[in-house]
PDB file of all heavy atoms in Angstrom:
ATOM      1  N   THR A   1      96.656 111.951  92.008  1.00  0.00           N
ATOM      2  CA  THR A   1      96.513 112.282  93.428  1.00  0.00           C
ATOM      3  C   THR A   1      95.117 111.863  93.918  1.00  0.00           C
ATOM      4  O   THR A   1      94.728 112.262  95.031  1.00  0.00           O
ATOM      5  CB  THR A   1      96.680 113.806  93.615  1.00  0.00           C
ATOM      6  OG1 THR A   1      95.691 114.499  92.849  1.00  0.00           O
ATOM      7  CG2 THR A   1      98.066 114.251  93.265  1.00  0.00           C
ATOM      8  N   THR A   2      94.426 111.078  93.119  1.00  0.00           N
ATOM      9  CA  THR A   2      93.104 110.608  93.536  1.00  0.00           C
ATOM     10  C   THR A   2      92.969 109.080  93.471  1.00  0.00           C
ATOM     11  O   THR A   2      92.057 108.520  94.048  1.00  0.00           O
ATOM     12  CB  THR A   2      92.014 111.202  92.616  1.00  0.00           C
ATOM     13  OG1 THR A   2      92.229 110.759  91.275  1.00  0.00           O
ATOM     14  CG2 THR A   2      92.026 112.718  92.682  1.00  0.00           C
ATOM     15  N   GLY A   3      93.875 108.438  92.733  1.00  0.00           N
ATOM     16  CA  GLY A   3      93.796 106.976  92.549  1.00  0.00           C
ATOM     17  C   GLY A   3      92.979 106.578  91.360  1.00  0.00           C
ATOM     18  O   GLY A   3      92.912 105.398  91.029  1.00  0.00           O
ATOM     19  N   ALA A   4      92.309 107.537  90.678  1.00  0.00           N
ATOM     20  CA  ALA A   4      91.476 107.206  89.547  1.00  0.00           C
ATOM     21  C   ALA A   4      92.321 106.841  88.329  1.00  0.00           C
ATOM     22  O   ALA A   4      93.362 107.455  88.074  1.00  0.00           O
ATOM     23  CB  ALA A   4      90.581 108.381  89.196  1.00  0.00           C
ATOM     24  N   ASP A   5      91.848 105.854  87.595  1.00  0.00           N
ATOM     25  CA  ASP A   5      92.494 105.442  86.357  1.00  0.00           C
ATOM     26  C   ASP A   5      91.554 104.527  85.604  1.00  0.00           C
ATOM     27  O   ASP A   5      91.103 103.523  86.170  1.00  0.00           O
ATOM     28  CB  ASP A   5      93.825 104.718  86.651  1.00  0.00           C
ATOM     29  CG  ASP A   5      94.597 104.448  85.356  1.00  0.00           C
ATOM     30  OD1 ASP A   5      94.228 103.506  84.616  1.00  0.00           O
ATOM     31  OD2 ASP A   5      95.572 105.160  85.116  1.00  0.00           O
ATOM     32  N   PRO A   6      91.226 104.857  84.353  1.00  0.00           N
ATOM     33  CA  PRO A   6      90.274 104.006  83.607  1.00  0.00           C
ATOM     34  C   PRO A   6      90.734 102.560  83.410  1.00  0.00           C
ATOM     35  O   PRO A   6      89.921 101.655  83.247  1.00  0.00           O
ATOM     36  CB  PRO A   6      90.137 104.734  82.266  1.00  0.00           C
ATOM     37  CG  PRO A   6      90.565 106.127  82.531  1.00  0.00           C
ATOM     38  CD  PRO A   6      91.609 106.025  83.587  1.00  0.00           C
ATOM     39  N   THR A   7      92.062 102.365  83.428  1.00  0.00           N
ATOM     40  CA  THR A   7      92.605 101.018  83.236  1.00  0.00           C
ATOM     41  C   THR A   7      92.622 100.220  84.538  1.00  0.00           C
ATOM     42  O   THR A   7      92.061  99.110  84.588  1.00  0.00           O
ATOM     43  CB  THR A   7      94.035 101.079  82.666  1.00  0.00           C
ATOM     44  OG1 THR A   7      94.004 101.811  81.472  1.00  0.00           O
ATOM     45  CG2 THR A   7      94.550  99.676  82.380  1.00  0.00           C
ATOM     46  N   GLN A   8      93.221 100.763  85.577  1.00  0.00           N
ATOM     47  CA  GLN A   8      93.295 100.084  86.872  1.00  0.00           C
ATOM     48  C   GLN A   8      93.520 101.105  87.985  1.00  0.00           C
ATOM     49  O   GLN A   8      94.625 101.575  88.201  1.00  0.00           O
ATOM     50  CB  GLN A   8      94.456  99.070  86.864  1.00  0.00           C
ATOM     51  CG  GLN A   8      94.563  98.278  88.186  1.00  0.00           C
ATOM     52  CD  GLN A   8      93.310  97.512  88.508  1.00  0.00           C
ATOM     53  OE1 GLN A   8      92.928  96.574  87.801  1.00  0.00           O
ATOM     54  NE2 GLN A   8      92.607  97.901  89.548  1.00  0.00           N
ATOM     55  N   PRO A   9      92.471 101.474  88.722  1.00  0.00           N
ATOM     56  CA  PRO A   9      92.656 102.401  89.865  1.00  0.00           C
ATOM     57  C   PRO A   9      93.418 101.718  90.990  1.00  0.00           C
ATOM     58  O   PRO A   9      93.403 100.510  91.119  1.00  0.00           O
ATOM     59  CB  PRO A   9      91.219 102.761  90.260  1.00  0.00           C
ATOM     60  CG  PRO A   9      90.390 101.587  89.781  1.00  0.00           C
ATOM     61  CD  PRO A   9      91.071 101.055  88.545  1.00  0.00           C
ATOM     62  N   GLY A  10      94.060 102.533  91.801  1.00  0.00           N
ATOM     63  CA  GLY A  10      94.820 102.017  92.931  1.00  0.00           C
ATOM     64  C   GLY A  10      95.292 103.131  93.820  1.00  0.00           C
ATOM     65  O   GLY A  10      95.167 104.330  93.519  1.00  0.00           O
ATOM     66  N   ALA A  11      95.909 102.733  94.996  1.00  0.00           N
ATOM     67  CA  ALA A  11      96.405 103.750  95.918  1.00  0.00           C
ATOM     68  C   ALA A  11      97.657 103.298  96.678  1.00  0.00           C
ATOM     69  O   ALA A  11      98.726 103.900  96.476  1.00  0.00           O
ATOM     70  CB  ALA A  11      95.296 104.117  96.934  1.00  0.00           C
ATOM     71  N   LEU A  12      97.566 102.243  97.458  1.00  0.00           N
ATOM     72  CA  LEU A  12      98.651 101.893  98.350  1.00  0.00           C
ATOM     73  C   LEU A  12      99.670 100.921  97.721  1.00  0.00           C
ATOM     74  O   LEU A  12     100.846 100.886  98.157  1.00  0.00           O
ATOM     75  CB  LEU A  12      98.114 101.256  99.657  1.00  0.00           C
ATOM     76  CG  LEU A  12      97.128 102.128 100.436  1.00  0.00           C
ATOM     77  CD1 LEU A  12      96.669 101.414 101.700  1.00  0.00           C
ATOM     78  CD2 LEU A  12      97.774 103.456 100.781  1.00  0.00           C
ATOM     79  N   GLY A  13      99.278 100.127  96.746  1.00  0.00           N
ATOM     80  CA  GLY A  13     100.226  99.184  96.044  1.00  0.00           C
ATOM     81  C   GLY A  13     100.842  98.174  96.973  1.00  0.00           C
ATOM     82  O   GLY A  13     102.007  97.780  96.822  1.00  0.00           O
ATOM     83  N   MET A  14     100.062  97.613  97.909  1.00  0.00           N
ATOM     84  CA  MET A  14     100.603  96.666  98.850  1.00  0.00           C
ATOM     85  C   MET A  14     100.494  95.199  98.410  1.00  0.00           C
ATOM     86  O   MET A  14     100.987  94.292  99.096  1.00  0.00           O
ATOM     87  CB  MET A  14      99.878  96.809 100.213  1.00  0.00           C
ATOM     88  CG  MET A  14     100.099  98.178 100.842  1.00  0.00           C
ATOM     89  SD  MET A  14      99.168  98.407 102.389  1.00  0.00           S
ATOM     90  CE  MET A  14      99.942  97.213 103.447  1.00  0.00           C
ATOM     91  N   GLY A  15      99.854  94.926  97.280  1.00  0.00           N
ATOM     92  CA  GLY A  15      99.770  93.576  96.747  1.00  0.00           C
ATOM     93  C   GLY A  15      98.547  92.816  97.182  1.00  0.00           C
ATOM     94  O   GLY A  15      97.826  93.204  98.098  1.00  0.00           O
ATOM     95  N   GLN A  16      98.328  91.651  96.544  1.00  0.00           N
ATOM     96  CA  GLN A  16      97.114  90.876  96.758  1.00  0.00           C
ATOM     97  C   GLN A  16      97.033  90.264  98.158  1.00  0.00           C
ATOM     98  O   GLN A  16      96.007  90.226  98.781  1.00  0.00           O
ATOM     99  CB  GLN A  16      96.983  89.778  95.701  1.00  0.00           C
ATOM    100  CG  GLN A  16      95.718  88.930  95.838  1.00  0.00           C
ATOM    101  CD  GLN A  16      95.531  87.950  94.722  1.00  0.00           C
ATOM    102  OE1 GLN A  16      96.290  87.966  93.745  1.00  0.00           O
ATOM    103  NE2 GLN A  16      94.547  87.085  94.843  1.00  0.00           N
ATOM    104  N   ARG A  17      98.205  89.762  98.649  1.00  0.00           N
ATOM    105  CA  ARG A  17      98.156  89.108  99.936  1.00  0.00           C
ATOM    106  C   ARG A  17      97.778  90.102 101.048  1.00  0.00           C
ATOM    107  O   ARG A  17      97.001  89.810 101.939  1.00  0.00           O
ATOM    108  CB  ARG A  17      99.507  88.423 100.214  1.00  0.00           C
ATOM    109  CG  ARG A  17      99.498  87.432 101.317  1.00  0.00           C
ATOM    110  CD  ARG A  17     100.736  86.529 101.257  1.00  0.00           C
ATOM    111  NE  ARG A  17     100.591  85.476 100.246  1.00  0.00           N
ATOM    112  CZ  ARG A  17     101.587  84.685  99.882  1.00  0.00           C
ATOM    113  NH1 ARG A  17     102.780  84.780 100.462  1.00  0.00           N
ATOM    114  NH2 ARG A  17     101.371  83.748  98.992  1.00  0.00           N
ATOM    115  N   ALA A  18      98.376  91.292 100.955  1.00  0.00           N
ATOM    116  CA  ALA A  18      98.048  92.325 101.967  1.00  0.00           C
ATOM    117  C   ALA A  18      96.604  92.750 101.854  1.00  0.00           C
ATOM    118  O   ALA A  18      95.909  92.935 102.882  1.00  0.00           O
ATOM    119  CB  ALA A  18      98.981  93.526 101.815  1.00  0.00           C
ATOM    120  N   SER A  19      96.114  92.930 100.614  1.00  0.00           N
ATOM    121  CA  SER A  19      94.716  93.369 100.464  1.00  0.00           C
ATOM    122  C   SER A  19      93.755  92.309 100.962  1.00  0.00           C
ATOM    123  O   SER A  19      92.741  92.618 101.615  1.00  0.00           O
ATOM    124  CB  SER A  19      94.414  93.668  98.989  1.00  0.00           C
ATOM    125  OG  SER A  19      94.373  92.494  98.211  1.00  0.00           O
ATOM    126  N   THR A  20      94.067  91.038 100.715  1.00  0.00           N
ATOM    127  CA  THR A  20      93.224  89.963 101.203  1.00  0.00           C
ATOM    128  C   THR A  20      93.243  89.940 102.725  1.00  0.00           C
ATOM    129  O   THR A  20      92.187  89.791 103.356  1.00  0.00           O
ATOM    130  CB  THR A  20      93.705  88.613 100.661  1.00  0.00           C
ATOM    131  OG1 THR A  20      93.673  88.624  99.243  1.00  0.00           O
ATOM    132  CG2 THR A  20      92.803  87.470 101.171  1.00  0.00           C
ATOM    133  N   GLY A  21      94.391  90.073 103.322  1.00  0.00           N
ATOM    134  CA  GLY A  21      94.499  90.074 104.781  1.00  0.00           C
ATOM    135  C   GLY A  21      93.729  91.193 105.448  1.00  0.00           C
ATOM    136  O   GLY A  21      92.992  90.994 106.416  1.00  0.00           O
ATOM    137  N   ILE A  22      93.870  92.410 104.899  1.00  0.00           N
ATOM    138  CA  ILE A  22      93.198  93.545 105.509  1.00  0.00           C
ATOM    139  C   ILE A  22      91.689  93.484 105.282  1.00  0.00           C
ATOM    140  O   ILE A  22      90.898  93.813 106.210  1.00  0.00           O
ATOM    141  CB  ILE A  22      93.790  94.877 104.955  1.00  0.00           C
ATOM    142  CG1 ILE A  22      95.227  95.030 105.395  1.00  0.00           C
ATOM    143  CG2 ILE A  22      92.958  96.081 105.419  1.00  0.00           C
ATOM    144  CD1 ILE A  22      95.919  96.228 104.790  1.00  0.00           C
ATOM    145  N   THR A  23      91.252  93.111 104.106  1.00  0.00           N
ATOM    146  CA  THR A  23      89.812  93.022 103.859  1.00  0.00           C
ATOM    147  C   THR A  23      89.172  91.907 104.654  1.00  0.00           C
ATOM    148  O   THR A  23      88.016  92.025 105.095  1.00  0.00           O
ATOM    149  CB  THR A  23      89.523  92.864 102.352  1.00  0.00           C
ATOM    150  OG1 THR A  23      90.251  91.710 101.847  1.00  0.00           O
ATOM    151  CG2 THR A  23      89.916  94.086 101.580  1.00  0.00           C
ATOM    152  N   ILE A  24      89.884  90.801 104.862  1.00  0.00           N
ATOM    153  CA  ILE A  24      89.343  89.738 105.705  1.00  0.00           C
ATOM    154  C   ILE A  24      89.291  90.210 107.154  1.00  0.00           C
ATOM    155  O   ILE A  24      88.309  89.937 107.864  1.00  0.00           O
ATOM    156  CB  ILE A  24      90.157  88.438 105.562  1.00  0.00           C
ATOM    157  CG1 ILE A  24      89.891  87.790 104.207  1.00  0.00           C
ATOM    158  CG2 ILE A  24      89.832  87.466 106.693  1.00  0.00           C
ATOM    159  CD1 ILE A  24      90.659  86.543 103.956  1.00  0.00           C
ATOM    160  N   PHE A  25      90.321  90.964 107.595  1.00  0.00           N
ATOM    161  CA  PHE A  25      90.230  91.514 108.946  1.00  0.00           C
ATOM    162  C   PHE A  25      89.021  92.442 109.098  1.00  0.00           C
ATOM    163  O   PHE A  25      88.332  92.433 110.100  1.00  0.00           O
ATOM    164  CB  PHE A  25      91.516  92.285 109.286  1.00  0.00           C
ATOM    165  CG  PHE A  25      91.376  93.139 110.516  1.00  0.00           C
ATOM    166  CD1 PHE A  25      91.351  92.611 111.776  1.00  0.00           C
ATOM    167  CD2 PHE A  25      91.196  94.521 110.383  1.00  0.00           C
ATOM    168  CE1 PHE A  25      91.191  93.409 112.915  1.00  0.00           C
ATOM    169  CE2 PHE A  25      91.032  95.338 111.507  1.00  0.00           C
ATOM    170  CZ  PHE A  25      91.031  94.768 112.783  1.00  0.00           C
ATOM    171  N   ASN A  26      88.809  93.247 108.062  1.00  0.00           N
ATOM    172  CA  ASN A  26      87.639  94.159 108.081  1.00  0.00           C
ATOM    173  C   ASN A  26      86.354  93.345 108.225  1.00  0.00           C
ATOM    174  O   ASN A  26      85.492  93.684 109.061  1.00  0.00           O
ATOM    175  CB  ASN A  26      87.605  94.973 106.801  1.00  0.00           C
ATOM    176  CG  ASN A  26      86.326  95.794 106.677  1.00  0.00           C
ATOM    177  OD1 ASN A  26      86.034  96.623 107.520  1.00  0.00           O
ATOM    178  ND2 ASN A  26      85.575  95.576 105.621  1.00  0.00           N
ATOM    179  N   GLN A  27      86.216  92.262 107.456  1.00  0.00           N
ATOM    180  CA  GLN A  27      85.009  91.447 107.559  1.00  0.00           C
ATOM    181  C   GLN A  27      84.884  90.819 108.929  1.00  0.00           C
ATOM    182  O   GLN A  27      83.802  90.791 109.532  1.00  0.00           O
ATOM    183  CB  GLN A  27      85.005  90.381 106.467  1.00  0.00           C
ATOM    184  CG  GLN A  27      83.732  89.602 106.384  1.00  0.00           C
ATOM    185  CD  GLN A  27      83.737  88.583 105.271  1.00  0.00           C
ATOM    186  OE1 GLN A  27      84.766  88.063 104.898  1.00  0.00           O
ATOM    187  NE2 GLN A  27      82.568  88.266 104.737  1.00  0.00           N
ATOM    188  N   PHE A  28      85.984  90.287 109.439  1.00  0.00           N
ATOM    189  CA  PHE A  28      85.955  89.695 110.775  1.00  0.00           C
ATOM    190  C   PHE A  28      85.542  90.718 111.802  1.00  0.00           C
ATOM    191  O   PHE A  28      84.685  90.445 112.662  1.00  0.00           O
ATOM    192  CB  PHE A  28      87.356  89.120 111.133  1.00  0.00           C
ATOM    193  CG  PHE A  28      87.475  88.653 112.546  1.00  0.00           C
ATOM    194  CD1 PHE A  28      87.051  87.396 112.884  1.00  0.00           C
ATOM    195  CD2 PHE A  28      87.964  89.476 113.552  1.00  0.00           C
ATOM    196  CE1 PHE A  28      87.157  86.944 114.204  1.00  0.00           C
ATOM    197  CE2 PHE A  28      88.054  89.048 114.861  1.00  0.00           C
ATOM    198  CZ  PHE A  28      87.665  87.765 115.183  1.00  0.00           C
ATOM    199  N   TRP A  29      86.136  91.914 111.742  1.00  0.00           N
ATOM    200  CA  TRP A  29      85.855  92.918 112.746  1.00  0.00           C
ATOM    201  C   TRP A  29      84.398  93.381 112.682  1.00  0.00           C
ATOM    202  O   TRP A  29      83.740  93.564 113.731  1.00  0.00           O
ATOM    203  CB  TRP A  29      86.808  94.120 112.529  1.00  0.00           C
ATOM    204  CG  TRP A  29      86.676  95.241 113.509  1.00  0.00           C
ATOM    205  CD1 TRP A  29      86.266  96.482 113.264  1.00  0.00           C
ATOM    206  CD2 TRP A  29      87.011  95.184 114.882  1.00  0.00           C
ATOM    207  NE1 TRP A  29      86.294  97.238 114.400  1.00  0.00           N
ATOM    208  CE2 TRP A  29      86.756  96.470 115.438  1.00  0.00           C
ATOM    209  CE3 TRP A  29      87.498  94.210 115.733  1.00  0.00           C
ATOM    210  CZ2 TRP A  29      86.987  96.769 116.764  1.00  0.00           C
ATOM    211  CZ3 TRP A  29      87.685  94.525 117.095  1.00  0.00           C
ATOM    212  CH2 TRP A  29      87.438  95.802 117.581  1.00  0.00           C
TER     213      TRP A  29
END
């Protein structure tokens, strides 16, 4: 319920393309 995991933390599970798109939008904004 926190997303913590010593192997691979995560939360939304939307995939690499979505993460790249949102993080690039964040940088642009």
